[in-house]
C-alpha atoms as a PDB file:
ATOM      1  CA  MET A   1       2.650 -13.642  18.388  1.00  0.00           C
ATOM      2  CA  ILE A   2       3.762 -10.370  19.945  1.00  0.00           C
ATOM      3  CA  ARG A   3       1.467  -7.441  20.719  1.00  0.00           C
ATOM      4  CA  ASP A   4       1.926  -3.723  21.224  1.00  0.00           C
ATOM      5  CA  ARG A   5       0.654  -1.518  24.053  1.00  0.00           C
ATOM      6  CA  PHE A   6      -2.866  -1.618  22.605  1.00  0.00           C
ATOM      7  CA  ALA A   7      -2.796  -5.414  22.166  1.00  0.00           C
ATOM      8  CA  ARG A   8      -2.391  -5.133  18.387  1.00  0.00           C
ATOM      9  CA  PRO A   9      -0.474  -8.085  16.936  1.00  0.00           C
ATOM     10  CA  LEU A  10       2.442  -7.832  14.537  1.00  0.00           C
ATOM     11  CA  GLY A  11       0.760  -9.592  11.652  1.00  0.00           C
ATOM     12  CA  SER A  12       1.383  -7.793   8.359  1.00  0.00           C
ATOM     13  CA  LEU A  13       4.547  -6.366   6.797  1.00  0.00           C
ATOM     14  CA  ARG A  14       4.766  -4.086   3.757  1.00  0.00           C
ATOM     15  CA  VAL A  15       8.178  -4.317   2.114  1.00  0.00           C
ATOM     16  CA  SER A  16       9.275  -1.536  -0.223  1.00  0.00           C
ATOM     17  CA  VAL A  17      11.814  -2.801  -2.758  1.00  0.00           C
ATOM     18  CA  THR A  18      12.555   0.567  -4.397  1.00  0.00           C
ATOM     19  CA  ASP A  19      11.803   4.249  -3.895  1.00  0.00           C
ATOM     20  CA  ARG A  20      11.717   4.874  -7.655  1.00  0.00           C
ATOM     21  CA  CYS A  21       8.490   5.197  -9.627  1.00  0.00           C
ATOM     22  CA  ASN A  22       7.556   5.693 -13.278  1.00  0.00           C
ATOM     23  CA  LEU A  23       4.456   7.803 -12.491  1.00  0.00           C
ATOM     24  CA  ARG A  24       4.079  11.169 -10.766  1.00  0.00           C
ATOM     25  CA  CYS A  25       0.651  10.915  -9.144  1.00  0.00           C
ATOM     26  CA  ARG A  26      -0.549  14.059  -7.414  1.00  0.00           C
ATOM     27  CA  TYR A  27      -1.328  12.316  -4.125  1.00  0.00           C
ATOM     28  CA  CYS A  28       2.141  10.741  -3.852  1.00  0.00           C
ATOM     29  CA  MET A  29       4.824  12.309  -6.077  1.00  0.00           C
ATOM     30  CA  PRO A  30       3.586  15.651  -7.419  1.00  0.00           C
ATOM     31  CA  GLU A  31       6.941  17.468  -7.491  1.00  0.00           C
ATOM     32  CA  ALA A  32       9.400  17.783 -10.374  1.00  0.00           C
ATOM     33  CA  GLU A  33      12.487  16.563  -8.490  1.00  0.00           C
ATOM     34  CA  TYR A  34      13.177  14.123  -5.657  1.00  0.00           C
ATOM     35  CA  VAL A  35      15.990  13.007  -3.382  1.00  0.00           C
ATOM     36  CA  TRP A  36      16.587   9.301  -4.000  1.00  0.00           C
ATOM     37  CA  LEU A  37      18.006   6.687  -1.671  1.00  0.00           C
ATOM     38  CA  PRO A  38      21.588   5.718  -2.626  1.00  0.00           C
ATOM     39  CA  LYS A  39      21.587   2.407  -4.475  1.00  0.00           C
ATOM     40  CA  SER A  40      24.237   1.041  -2.116  1.00  0.00           C
ATOM     41  CA  SER A  41      21.811   1.508   0.776  1.00  0.00           C
ATOM     42  CA  LEU A  42      19.072  -0.655  -0.712  1.00  0.00           C
ATOM     43  CA  LEU A  43      18.570  -4.057   0.857  1.00  0.00           C
ATOM     44  CA  THR A  44      19.603  -7.011  -1.279  1.00  0.00           C
ATOM     45  CA  PHE A  45      17.070  -9.762  -1.945  1.00  0.00           C
ATOM     46  CA  GLU A  46      18.948 -11.968   0.497  1.00  0.00           C
ATOM     47  CA  GLU A  47      18.712  -9.280   3.192  1.00  0.00           C
ATOM     48  CA  ILE A  48      14.993  -8.779   2.539  1.00  0.00           C
ATOM     49  CA  ALA A  49      14.390 -12.521   2.749  1.00  0.00           C
ATOM     50  CA  ARG A  50      16.370 -12.794   5.971  1.00  0.00           C
ATOM     51  CA  LEU A  51      14.522  -9.921   7.667  1.00  0.00           C
ATOM     52  CA  THR A  52      11.212 -11.324   6.467  1.00  0.00           C
ATOM     53  CA  GLY A  53      12.097 -14.628   8.097  1.00  0.00           C
ATOM     54  CA  VAL A  54      12.807 -12.858  11.387  1.00  0.00           C
ATOM     55  CA  PHE A  55       9.458 -11.059  11.175  1.00  0.00           C
ATOM     56  CA  ALA A  56       7.725 -14.337  10.356  1.00  0.00           C
ATOM     57  CA  GLY A  57       9.203 -15.842  13.487  1.00  0.00           C
ATOM     58  CA  LEU A  58       7.483 -13.078  15.478  1.00  0.00           C
ATOM     59  CA  GLY A  59       4.051 -13.650  13.964  1.00  0.00           C
ATOM     60  CA  VAL A  60       3.994 -11.949  10.572  1.00  0.00           C
ATOM     61  CA  THR A  61       1.975 -14.065   8.144  1.00  0.00           C
ATOM     62  CA  LYS A  62       1.231 -11.498   5.421  1.00  0.00           C
ATOM     63  CA  VAL A  63       3.808  -9.703   3.277  1.00  0.00           C
ATOM     64  CA  ARG A  64       3.052  -7.161   0.565  1.00  0.00           C
ATOM     65  CA  LEU A  65       5.746  -5.950  -1.836  1.00  0.00           C
ATOM     66  CA  THR A  66       5.517  -2.249  -2.622  1.00  0.00           C
ATOM     67  CA  GLY A  67       7.583   0.708  -3.807  1.00  0.00           C
ATOM     68  CA  GLY A  68       7.761   3.257  -5.307  1.00  0.00           C
ATOM     69  CA  GLU A  69       6.882   1.009  -8.191  1.00  0.00           C
ATOM     70  CA  PRO A  70       8.115  -2.486  -7.238  1.00  0.00           C
ATOM     71  CA  LEU A  71       8.298  -3.745 -10.816  1.00  0.00           C
ATOM     72  CA  LEU A  72      11.156  -1.310 -11.417  1.00  0.00           C
ATOM     73  CA  ARG A  73      13.317  -3.515  -9.164  1.00  0.00           C
ATOM     74  CA  HIS A  74      15.267  -5.852 -11.419  1.00  0.00           C
ATOM     75  CA  GLU A  75      14.575  -9.588 -11.168  1.00  0.00           C
ATOM     76  CA  LEU A  76      11.646  -9.167  -8.761  1.00  0.00           C
ATOM     77  CA  PRO A  77      10.307 -12.694  -9.454  1.00  0.00           C
ATOM     78  CA  ALA A  78      13.529 -14.006  -7.893  1.00  0.00           C
ATOM     79  CA  LEU A  79      12.668 -12.231  -4.634  1.00  0.00           C
ATOM     80  CA  VAL A  80       9.135 -13.632  -4.784  1.00  0.00           C
ATOM     81  CA  SER A  81      10.566 -17.146  -5.049  1.00  0.00           C
ATOM     82  CA  MET A  82      12.800 -16.552  -2.040  1.00  0.00           C
ATOM     83  CA  LEU A  83       9.924 -15.234   0.070  1.00  0.00           C
ATOM     84  CA  ARG A  84       7.590 -18.003  -1.054  1.00  0.00           C
ATOM     85  CA  ALA A  85      10.051 -20.475   0.455  1.00  0.00           C
ATOM     86  CA  GLU A  86       9.251 -19.091   3.928  1.00  0.00           C
ATOM     87  CA  PRO A  87       6.650 -21.600   5.204  1.00  0.00           C
ATOM     88  CA  ARG A  88       5.252 -19.254   7.875  1.00  0.00           C
ATOM     89  CA  LEU A  89       3.964 -16.772   5.297  1.00  0.00           C
ATOM     90  CA  ALA A  90       0.330 -17.445   4.436  1.00  0.00           C
ATOM     91  CA  ASP A  91      -0.100 -14.495   2.076  1.00  0.00           C
ATOM     92  CA  LEU A  92       2.318 -12.886  -0.385  1.00  0.00           C
ATOM     93  CA  ALA A  93       0.986  -9.977  -2.424  1.00  0.00           C
ATOM     94  CA  LEU A  94       2.110  -7.074  -4.613  1.00  0.00           C
ATOM     95  CA  THR A  95       0.869  -3.523  -5.119  1.00  0.00           C
ATOM     96  CA  THR A  96       1.759  -1.989  -8.490  1.00  0.00           C
ATOM     97  CA  ASN A  97       0.715   0.882 -10.731  1.00  0.00           C
ATOM     98  CA  GLY A  98       0.306  -1.703 -13.473  1.00  0.00           C
ATOM     99  CA  VAL A  99       2.399   0.000 -16.143  1.00  0.00           C
ATOM    100  CA  LEU A 100       4.866  -2.925 -16.355  1.00  0.00           C
ATOM    101  CA  LEU A 101       2.563  -5.666 -15.117  1.00  0.00           C
ATOM    102  CA  GLU A 102       1.733  -7.189 -18.498  1.00  0.00           C
ATOM    103  CA  ARG A 103       5.427  -8.003 -18.927  1.00  0.00           C
ATOM    104  CA  PHE A 104       5.874  -9.620 -15.513  1.00  0.00           C
ATOM    105  CA  ALA A 105       2.490 -11.057 -14.482  1.00  0.00           C
ATOM    106  CA  ALA A 106       3.117 -14.633 -15.628  1.00  0.00           C
ATOM    107  CA  ALA A 107       6.618 -14.790 -14.128  1.00  0.00           C
ATOM    108  CA  LEU A 108       5.413 -13.401 -10.793  1.00  0.00           C
ATOM    109  CA  ASN A 109       2.612 -15.941 -10.634  1.00  0.00           C
ATOM    110  CA  ALA A 110       4.971 -18.783 -11.504  1.00  0.00           C
ATOM    111  CA  ALA A 111       7.347 -17.597  -8.762  1.00  0.00           C
ATOM    112  CA  GLY A 112       4.602 -17.951  -6.162  1.00  0.00           C
ATOM    113  CA  LEU A 113       3.023 -14.508  -5.817  1.00  0.00           C
ATOM    114  CA  GLY A 114      -0.519 -14.979  -4.550  1.00  0.00           C
ATOM    115  CA  ARG A 115      -2.333 -11.685  -5.083  1.00  0.00           C
ATOM    116  CA  VAL A 116      -1.969  -8.454  -7.045  1.00  0.00           C
ATOM    117  CA  THR A 117      -3.409  -5.007  -6.397  1.00  0.00           C
ATOM    118  CA  VAL A 118      -3.256  -2.501  -9.247  1.00  0.00           C
ATOM    119  CA  SER A 119      -3.674   1.246  -8.829  1.00  0.00           C
ATOM    120  CA  LEU A 120      -6.365   2.519 -11.184  1.00  0.00           C
ATOM    121  CA  ASP A 121      -7.452   6.062 -10.391  1.00  0.00           C
ATOM    122  CA  THR A 122      -9.287   6.816 -13.606  1.00  0.00           C
ATOM    123  CA  LEU A 123     -10.789   5.157 -16.662  1.00  0.00           C
ATOM    124  CA  HIS A 124      -9.880   8.176 -18.821  1.00  0.00           C
ATOM    125  CA  PRO A 125      -6.392   8.307 -20.400  1.00  0.00           C
ATOM    126  CA  GLU A 126      -6.408  12.097 -20.564  1.00  0.00           C
ATOM    127  CA  ARG A 127      -7.028  12.317 -16.838  1.00  0.00           C
ATOM    128  CA  MET A 128      -4.101   9.994 -16.125  1.00  0.00           C
ATOM    129  CA  GLN A 129      -1.940  12.233 -18.290  1.00  0.00           C
ATOM    130  CA  GLU A 130      -2.968  15.252 -16.236  1.00  0.00           C
ATOM    131  CA  PHE A 131      -2.894  13.593 -12.824  1.00  0.00           C
ATOM    132  CA  ALA A 132       0.095  11.240 -13.112  1.00  0.00           C
ATOM    133  CA  ARG A 133       1.970  12.833 -16.021  1.00  0.00           C
ATOM    134  CA  SER A 134       1.835   9.587 -17.963  1.00  0.00           C
ATOM    135  CA  GLY A 135       0.291   8.510 -21.234  1.00  0.00           C
ATOM    136  CA  ARG A 136       0.484   4.792 -20.409  1.00  0.00           C
ATOM    137  CA  HIS A 137      -3.133   4.228 -19.424  1.00  0.00           C
ATOM    138  CA  ALA A 138      -3.489   1.438 -21.983  1.00  0.00           C
ATOM    139  CA  ASP A 139      -0.524  -0.355 -20.403  1.00  0.00           C
ATOM    140  CA  VAL A 140      -2.249  -0.290 -17.014  1.00  0.00           C
ATOM    141  CA  LEU A 141      -5.399  -1.858 -18.494  1.00  0.00           C
ATOM    142  CA  ALA A 142      -3.264  -4.458 -20.266  1.00  0.00           C
ATOM    143  CA  GLY A 143      -1.552  -5.211 -16.961  1.00  0.00           C
ATOM    144  CA  ILE A 144      -4.895  -5.806 -15.254  1.00  0.00           C
ATOM    145  CA  ALA A 145      -5.924  -8.177 -18.028  1.00  0.00           C
ATOM    146  CA  ALA A 146      -2.585  -9.985 -17.822  1.00  0.00           C
ATOM    147  CA  ALA A 147      -2.958 -10.422 -14.065  1.00  0.00           C
ATOM    148  CA  ARG A 148      -6.364 -11.992 -14.553  1.00  0.00           C
ATOM    149  CA  GLY A 149      -4.995 -14.244 -17.272  1.00  0.00           C
ATOM    150  CA  ALA A 150      -1.989 -15.315 -15.197  1.00  0.00           C
ATOM    151  CA  GLY A 151      -4.252 -16.980 -12.636  1.00  0.00           C
ATOM    152  CA  PHE A 152      -3.685 -14.980  -9.453  1.00  0.00           C
ATOM    153  CA  GLU A 153      -5.948 -15.819  -6.524  1.00  0.00           C
ATOM    154  CA  ARG A 154      -7.365 -12.310  -6.508  1.00  0.00           C
ATOM    155  CA  VAL A 155      -6.859  -9.067  -8.391  1.00  0.00           C
ATOM    156  CA  LYS A 156      -7.840  -5.825  -6.690  1.00  0.00           C
ATOM    157  CA  LEU A 157      -7.945  -2.271  -7.967  1.00  0.00           C
ATOM    158  CA  ASN A 158      -6.978   0.639  -5.721  1.00  0.00           C
ATOM    159  CA  THR A 159      -8.555   4.016  -6.438  1.00  0.00           C
ATOM    160  CA  VAL A 160      -7.609   7.131  -4.486  1.00  0.00           C
ATOM    161  CA  VAL A 161     -10.693   9.331  -4.711  1.00  0.00           C
ATOM    162  CA  VAL A 162      -9.963  13.045  -5.093  1.00  0.00           C
ATOM    163  CA  ARG A 163     -12.780  15.549  -5.384  1.00  0.00           C
ATOM    164  CA  GLY A 164     -12.714  17.356  -8.695  1.00  0.00           C
ATOM    165  CA  PHE A 165     -10.491  14.743 -10.324  1.00  0.00           C
ATOM    166  CA  ASN A 166     -12.156  11.326 -10.361  1.00  0.00           C
ATOM    167  CA  ASP A 167     -15.070  11.425  -7.908  1.00  0.00           C
ATOM    168  CA  ASP A 168     -17.462  11.361 -10.860  1.00  0.00           C
ATOM    169  CA  GLU A 169     -16.064   7.922 -11.843  1.00  0.00           C
ATOM    170  CA  ILE A 170     -16.833   6.035  -8.633  1.00  0.00           C
ATOM    171  CA  ALA A 171     -19.757   4.052 -10.022  1.00  0.00           C
ATOM    172  CA  ASP A 172     -18.063   3.492 -13.390  1.00  0.00           C
ATOM    173  CA  LEU A 173     -15.002   2.048 -11.653  1.00  0.00           C
ATOM    174  CA  VAL A 174     -17.151  -0.445  -9.739  1.00  0.00           C
ATOM    175  CA  ALA A 175     -18.785  -1.463 -13.013  1.00  0.00           C
ATOM    176  CA  PHE A 176     -15.341  -1.834 -14.609  1.00  0.00           C
ATOM    177  CA  GLY A 177     -14.216  -4.073 -11.760  1.00  0.00           C
ATOM    178  CA  GLU A 178     -17.340  -6.185 -12.133  1.00  0.00           C
ATOM    179  CA  ARG A 179     -16.698  -6.686 -15.847  1.00  0.00           C
ATOM    180  CA  HIS A 180     -13.058  -7.604 -15.339  1.00  0.00           C
ATOM    181  CA  GLY A 181     -13.337  -9.830 -12.273  1.00  0.00           C
ATOM    182  CA  ALA A 182     -11.514  -7.425  -9.979  1.00  0.00           C
ATOM    183  CA  GLU A 183     -12.628  -5.886  -6.692  1.00  0.00           C
ATOM    184  CA  VAL A 184     -12.300  -2.114  -6.424  1.00  0.00           C
ATOM    185  CA  ARG A 185     -11.103  -0.525  -3.194  1.00  0.00           C
ATOM    186  CA  PHE A 186     -11.694   3.196  -2.818  1.00  0.00           C
ATOM    187  CA  ILE A 187      -9.164   5.047  -0.663  1.00  0.00           C
ATOM    188  CA  GLU A 188      -9.847   8.394   0.933  1.00  0.00           C
ATOM    189  CA  TYR A 189      -7.269  10.979  -0.144  1.00  0.00           C
ATOM    190  CA  MET A 190      -4.748  11.061   2.725  1.00  0.00           C
ATOM    191  CA  ASP A 191      -2.524  13.859   4.026  1.00  0.00           C
ATOM    192  CA  VAL A 192       0.628  11.746   4.220  1.00  0.00           C
ATOM    193  CA  GLY A 193       4.148  12.035   2.871  1.00  0.00           C
ATOM    194  CA  GLY A 194       4.252  13.487  -0.605  1.00  0.00           C
ATOM    195  CA  ALA A 195       0.643  14.686  -0.634  1.00  0.00           C
ATOM    196  CA  THR A 196       1.914  18.265  -0.546  1.00  0.00           C
ATOM    197  CA  ARG A 197      -1.208  19.618  -2.232  1.00  0.00           C
ATOM    198  CA  TRP A 198      -3.696  17.897   0.067  1.00  0.00           C
ATOM    199  CA  SER A 199      -6.632  19.810   1.533  1.00  0.00           C
ATOM    200  CA  ARG A 200      -9.614  18.588   3.513  1.00  0.00           C
ATOM    201  CA  ASP A 201     -12.121  19.751   0.916  1.00  0.00           C
ATOM    202  CA  GLN A 202     -10.642  17.313  -1.647  1.00  0.00           C
ATOM    203  CA  VAL A 203     -11.458  14.287   0.518  1.00  0.00           C
ATOM    204  CA  VAL A 204     -14.478  12.252  -0.584  1.00  0.00           C
ATOM    205  CA  SER A 205     -15.615  10.407   2.529  1.00  0.00           C
ATOM    206  CA  ARG A 206     -16.767   6.833   2.918  1.00  0.00           C
ATOM    207  CA  ALA A 207     -20.291   8.100   3.583  1.00  0.00           C
ATOM    208  CA  GLU A 208     -20.352  10.070   0.343  1.00  0.00           C
ATOM    209  CA  ILE A 209     -18.917   7.176  -1.670  1.00  0.00           C
ATOM    210  CA  LEU A 210     -21.650   4.879  -0.351  1.00  0.00           C
ATOM    211  CA  GLU A 211     -24.316   7.487  -1.065  1.00  0.00           C
ATOM    212  CA  ARG A 212     -23.209   7.864  -4.682  1.00  0.00           C
ATOM    213  CA  LEU A 213     -23.011   4.125  -5.275  1.00  0.00           C
ATOM    214  CA  GLY A 214     -26.387   3.590  -3.652  1.00  0.00           C
ATOM    215  CA  ALA A 215     -27.933   6.134  -6.002  1.00  0.00           C
ATOM    216  CA  ARG A 216     -26.598   4.197  -9.005  1.00  0.00           C
ATOM    217  CA  PHE A 217     -26.863   0.567  -7.876  1.00  0.00           C
ATOM    218  CA  GLY A 218     -29.480   0.465  -5.118  1.00  0.00           C
ATOM    219  CA  PRO A 219     -29.141  -1.175  -1.685  1.00  0.00           C
ATOM    220  CA  ILE A 220     -25.618  -1.809  -0.374  1.00  0.00           C
ATOM    221  CA  THR A 221     -24.891  -4.403   2.304  1.00  0.00           C
ATOM    222  CA  PRO A 222     -21.814  -4.466   4.583  1.00  0.00           C
ATOM    223  CA  VAL A 223     -19.742  -7.641   4.299  1.00  0.00           C
ATOM    224  CA  PRO A 224     -17.989  -8.437   7.611  1.00  0.00           C
ATOM    225  CA  ASP A 225     -14.499  -9.820   6.995  1.00  0.00           C
ATOM    226  CA  ARG A 226     -14.313 -12.268   9.890  1.00  0.00           C
ATOM    227  CA  ASP A 227     -11.284 -14.014   8.413  1.00  0.00           C
ATOM    228  CA  HIS A 228      -9.274 -10.777   8.220  1.00  0.00           C
ATOM    229  CA  PRO A 229     -10.498  -8.440  10.993  1.00  0.00           C
ATOM    230  CA  ALA A 230      -7.376  -6.257  10.713  1.00  0.00           C
ATOM    231  CA  ALA A 231      -7.815  -5.623   6.977  1.00  0.00           C
ATOM    232  CA  PRO A 232      -7.827  -1.878   6.229  1.00  0.00           C
ATOM    233  CA  ALA A 233     -10.772  -1.986   3.840  1.00  0.00           C
ATOM    234  CA  GLU A 234     -14.404  -2.264   4.860  1.00  0.00           C
ATOM    235  CA  ARG A 235     -16.147  -4.431   2.278  1.00  0.00           C
ATOM    236  CA  PHE A 236     -19.625  -3.997   0.833  1.00  0.00           C
ATOM    237  CA  ARG A 237     -21.880  -5.886  -1.575  1.00  0.00           C
ATOM    238  CA  LEU A 238     -24.285  -4.600  -4.222  1.00  0.00           C
ATOM    239  CA  ALA A 239     -27.583  -6.315  -4.949  1.00  0.00           C
ATOM    240  CA  SER A 240     -25.917  -7.847  -8.037  1.00  0.00           C
ATOM    241  CA  GLY A 241     -23.397  -9.603  -5.796  1.00  0.00           C
ATOM    242  CA  THR A 242     -20.499  -7.355  -6.778  1.00  0.00           C
ATOM    243  CA  THR A 243     -18.244  -6.467  -3.867  1.00  0.00           C
ATOM    244  CA  PHE A 244     -16.050  -3.437  -3.293  1.00  0.00           C
ATOM    245  CA  GLY A 245     -14.080  -1.956  -0.429  1.00  0.00           C
ATOM    246  CA  ILE A 246     -13.473   1.437   1.160  1.00  0.00           C
ATOM    247  CA  ILE A 247     -10.374   2.447   3.118  1.00  0.00           C
ATOM    248  CA  ALA A 248     -11.562   5.406   5.204  1.00  0.00           C
ATOM    249  CA  SER A 249      -8.228   6.371   6.735  1.00  0.00           C
ATOM    250  CA  VAL A 250      -9.123  10.064   6.964  1.00  0.00           C
ATOM    251  CA  THR A 251     -12.713  10.114   8.242  1.00  0.00           C
ATOM    252  CA  ALA A 252     -12.905   6.753  10.039  1.00  0.00           C
ATOM    253  CA  PRO A 253      -9.387   5.632  11.076  1.00  0.00           C
ATOM    254  CA  PHE A 254      -8.836   1.971  11.931  1.00  0.00           C
ATOM    255  CA  CYS A 255      -5.824   2.411  14.230  1.00  0.00           C
ATOM    256  CA  ALA A 256      -7.400   0.184  16.896  1.00  0.00           C
ATOM    257  CA  SER A 257      -7.022  -2.924  14.721  1.00  0.00           C
ATOM    258  CA  CYS A 258      -3.912  -1.994  12.698  1.00  0.00           C
ATOM    259  CA  ASP A 259      -1.395  -4.845  12.590  1.00  0.00           C
ATOM    260  CA  ARG A 260       0.777  -3.388   9.803  1.00  0.00           C
ATOM    261  CA  SER A 261       4.291  -2.042   9.704  1.00  0.00           C
ATOM    262  CA  ARG A 262       6.528  -0.958   6.840  1.00  0.00           C
ATOM    263  CA  LEU A 263      10.082  -1.728   5.807  1.00  0.00           C
ATOM    264  CA  THR A 264      11.681   0.769   3.426  1.00  0.00           C
ATOM    265  CA  ALA A 265      13.938  -0.279   0.582  1.00  0.00           C
ATOM    266  CA  ASP A 266      16.954   0.759   2.671  1.00  0.00           C
ATOM    267  CA  GLY A 267      15.894  -1.212   5.728  1.00  0.00           C
ATOM    268  CA  THR A 268      14.195   1.403   7.880  1.00  0.00           C
ATOM    269  CA  TRP A 269      11.235  -0.013   9.797  1.00  0.00           C
ATOM    270  CA  PHE A 270       8.211   2.246  10.323  1.00  0.00           C
ATOM    271  CA  LEU A 271       5.506   1.225  12.789  1.00  0.00           C
ATOM    272  CA  CYS A 272       2.910   3.665  11.429  1.00  0.00           C
ATOM    273  CA  LEU A 273       2.261   5.336   8.100  1.00  0.00           C
ATOM    274  CA  TYR A 274       2.285   8.690   9.897  1.00  0.00           C
ATOM    275  CA  ALA A 275       5.438   7.989  11.947  1.00  0.00           C
ATOM    276  CA  ALA A 276       8.089  10.701  11.745  1.00  0.00           C
ATOM    277  CA  LYS A 277      10.980   8.331  12.448  1.00  0.00           C
ATOM    278  CA  GLY A 278      11.760   4.680  11.860  1.00  0.00           C
ATOM    279  CA  ILE A 279      14.055   1.999  13.243  1.00  0.00           C
ATOM    280  CA  ASP A 280      17.244   1.179  11.340  1.00  0.00           C
ATOM    281  CA  LEU A 281      17.407  -2.564  10.705  1.00  0.00           C
ATOM    282  CA  ARG A 282      19.958  -2.450   7.896  1.00  0.00           C
ATOM    283  CA  GLY A 283      22.705  -1.163  10.184  1.00  0.00           C
ATOM    284  CA  PRO A 284      22.575  -4.073  12.651  1.00  0.00           C
ATOM    285  CA  LEU A 285      21.992  -6.528   9.804  1.00  0.00           C
ATOM    286  CA  ARG A 286      25.151  -5.487   7.956  1.00  0.00           C
ATOM    287  CA  ALA A 287      27.136  -5.144  11.186  1.00  0.00           C
ATOM    288  CA  GLY A 288      26.749  -8.858  11.829  1.00  0.00           C
ATOM    289  CA  ALA A 289      23.696  -9.042  14.103  1.00  0.00           C
ATOM    290  CA  SER A 290      22.313 -12.534  14.533  1.00  0.00           C
ATOM    291  CA  ASP A 291      18.695 -13.420  13.838  1.00  0.00           C
ATOM    292  CA  ALA A 292      18.190 -13.546  17.604  1.00  0.00           C
ATOM    293  CA  ASP A 293      19.592 -10.010  17.924  1.00  0.00           C
ATOM    294  CA  LEU A 294      17.283  -8.726  15.188  1.00  0.00           C
ATOM    295  CA  GLU A 295      14.329 -10.557  16.705  1.00  0.00           C
ATOM    296  CA  ALA A 296      14.993  -8.965  20.090  1.00  0.00           C
ATOM    297  CA  LEU A 297      15.163  -5.485  18.558  1.00  0.00           C
ATOM    298  CA  ILE A 298      11.914  -5.962  16.613  1.00  0.00           C
ATOM    299  CA  ARG A 299      10.145  -7.547  19.574  1.00  0.00           C
ATOM    300  CA  GLU A 300      11.093  -4.783  22.006  1.00  0.00           C
ATOM    301  CA  THR A 301      10.173  -2.059  19.527  1.00  0.00           C
ATOM    302  CA  TRP A 302       6.767  -3.520  18.662  1.00  0.00           C
ATOM    303  CA  GLN A 303       5.866  -4.199  22.270  1.00  0.00           C
ATOM    304  CA  GLY A 304       6.469  -0.515  22.989  1.00  0.00           C
ATOM    305  CA  ARG A 305       4.365   0.652  20.026  1.00  0.00           C
ATOM    306  CA  ALA A 306       1.633   3.149  20.840  1.00  0.00           C
ATOM    307  CA  ASP A 307       1.122   4.721  17.396  1.00  0.00           C
ATOM    308  CA  ARG A 308      -2.323   6.047  16.518  1.00  0.00           C
ATOM    309  CA  GLY A 309      -1.301   8.311  13.658  1.00  0.00           C
ATOM    310  CA  ALA A 310      -4.559   8.509  11.726  1.00  0.00           C
ATOM    311  CA  GLU A 311      -6.648   8.947  14.864  1.00  0.00           C
ATOM    312  CA  GLU A 312      -4.383  11.742  16.070  1.00  0.00           C
ATOM    313  CA  ARG A 313      -4.620  13.479  12.698  1.00  0.00           C
ATOM    314  CA  LEU A 314      -8.397  13.229  12.871  1.00  0.00           C
ATOM    315  CA  GLY A 315      -8.278  15.416  15.969  1.00  0.00           C
ATOM    316  CA  VAL A 316      -6.235  18.184  14.346  1.00  0.00           C
ATOM    317  CA  ARG A 317      -8.514  21.206  14.031  1.00  0.00           C
ATOM    318  CA  GLU A 318      -6.617  23.149  11.351  1.00  0.00           C
ATOM    319  CA  ARG A 319      -5.535  20.139   9.342  1.00  0.00           C
ATOM    320  CA  GLY A 320      -3.169  20.645   6.429  1.00  0.00           C
ATOM    321  CA  VAL A 321      -0.445  18.578   4.778  1.00  0.00           C
ATOM    322  CA  LEU A 322       1.606  16.384   7.087  1.00  0.00           C
ATOM    323  CA  TYR A 323       4.968  17.572   5.732  1.00  0.00           C
ATOM    324  CA  PRO A 324       5.837  20.668   3.686  1.00  0.00           C
ATOM    325  CA  ILE A 325       8.223  20.153   0.775  1.00  0.00           C
ATOM    326  CA  GLU A 326      11.239  21.350   2.780  1.00  0.00           C
ATOM    327  CA  ALA A 327      10.672  18.669   5.430  1.00  0.00           C
ATOM    328  CA  LEU A 328      10.451  15.973   2.760  1.00  0.00           C
ATOM    329  CA  ARG A 329      13.687  17.141   1.145  1.00  0.00           C
ATOM    330  CA  ALA A 330      15.384  16.924   4.549  1.00  0.00           C
ATOM    331  CA  ASP A 331      14.341  13.277   5.044  1.00  0.00           C
ATOM    332  CA  PRO A 332      13.242  11.320   1.940  1.00  0.00           C
ATOM    333  CA  ARG A 333      12.052   8.456   4.166  1.00  0.00           C
ATOM    334  CA  ARG A 334       9.014  10.590   4.974  1.00  0.00           C
ATOM    335  CA  GLU A 335       7.860  10.183   1.369  1.00  0.00           C
ATOM    336  CA  MET A 336       5.177   7.582   0.684  1.00  0.00           C
ATOM    337  CA  HIS A 337       7.075   6.329  -2.349  1.00  0.00           C
ATOM    338  CA  THR A 338       9.976   5.538  -0.010  1.00  0.00           C
ATOM    339  CA  ARG A 339       8.174   3.881   2.872  1.00  0.00           C
ATOM    340  CA  GLY A 340       5.638   1.991   0.754  1.00  0.00           C
ATOM    341  CA  GLY A 341       2.368   3.727   1.518  1.00  0.00           C
END
């Protein structure tokens, strides 16, 4: 296992399979038009599987497929089967907005996908229409039900909490998760990539989330995750036994234990969600680099890693959006839907 300058291991890889998405959520893709990656630049399944094998040889044991919306990538279960054949991977998961999940849940499970996380920001269809410009709320709920029925190890629900949009649903979302056998993870609204309308006053902090849930459900107990100390979510338990998580990237960054990196759909490797630039792996791959060559490049890059993006942003006094629209147009890899936020 290799470590960076702060002794953080390379343990988890998020792999974006497409930059396209069928929603337009305000915290990720709020604009009317986008610059898309050329289709010819996207990694093939064989290229993704090969790079994943190189990463696995350097210590990566967890892979999460992301997008954009990963279920828009044709024949995704075939990629899952290829990755599942890598014996060094202990965990293979998927993050999806759930719109297409009902159609693919069974096939993904049969192909060897272990876990699914579904984005569910609201329980109200009209709010989804306003916030994500989509009327497919019922499809998301059907996707969650299908994931449960398909037999995945775990189903989680990701909720980005935005003040004035869905912060009044925090307790209801926990209750929904309890009823449907899914653990909710609340995510503080982050100032990354396409969050071009972010402002500090819209962030609902971990402390406030806990206060609101405590008022509804009573005492809340922290649940130490000793098996996964680098996991981004802090987990908590209600008196009823229901668990939930909070990812406090804005108010309580976890850079010190971060073992994650991100591979875009076109093979650019980002060592931090806030990183301005990435490392091109597709170029060497298609130019004939051997696995040993790729391993050397990844090893040297990770060992020189000193990223503390979220912690550095925490220290910014006049904190606004990370990138204005013009900067995103100039480099679409800065978008969260491209690098798999």
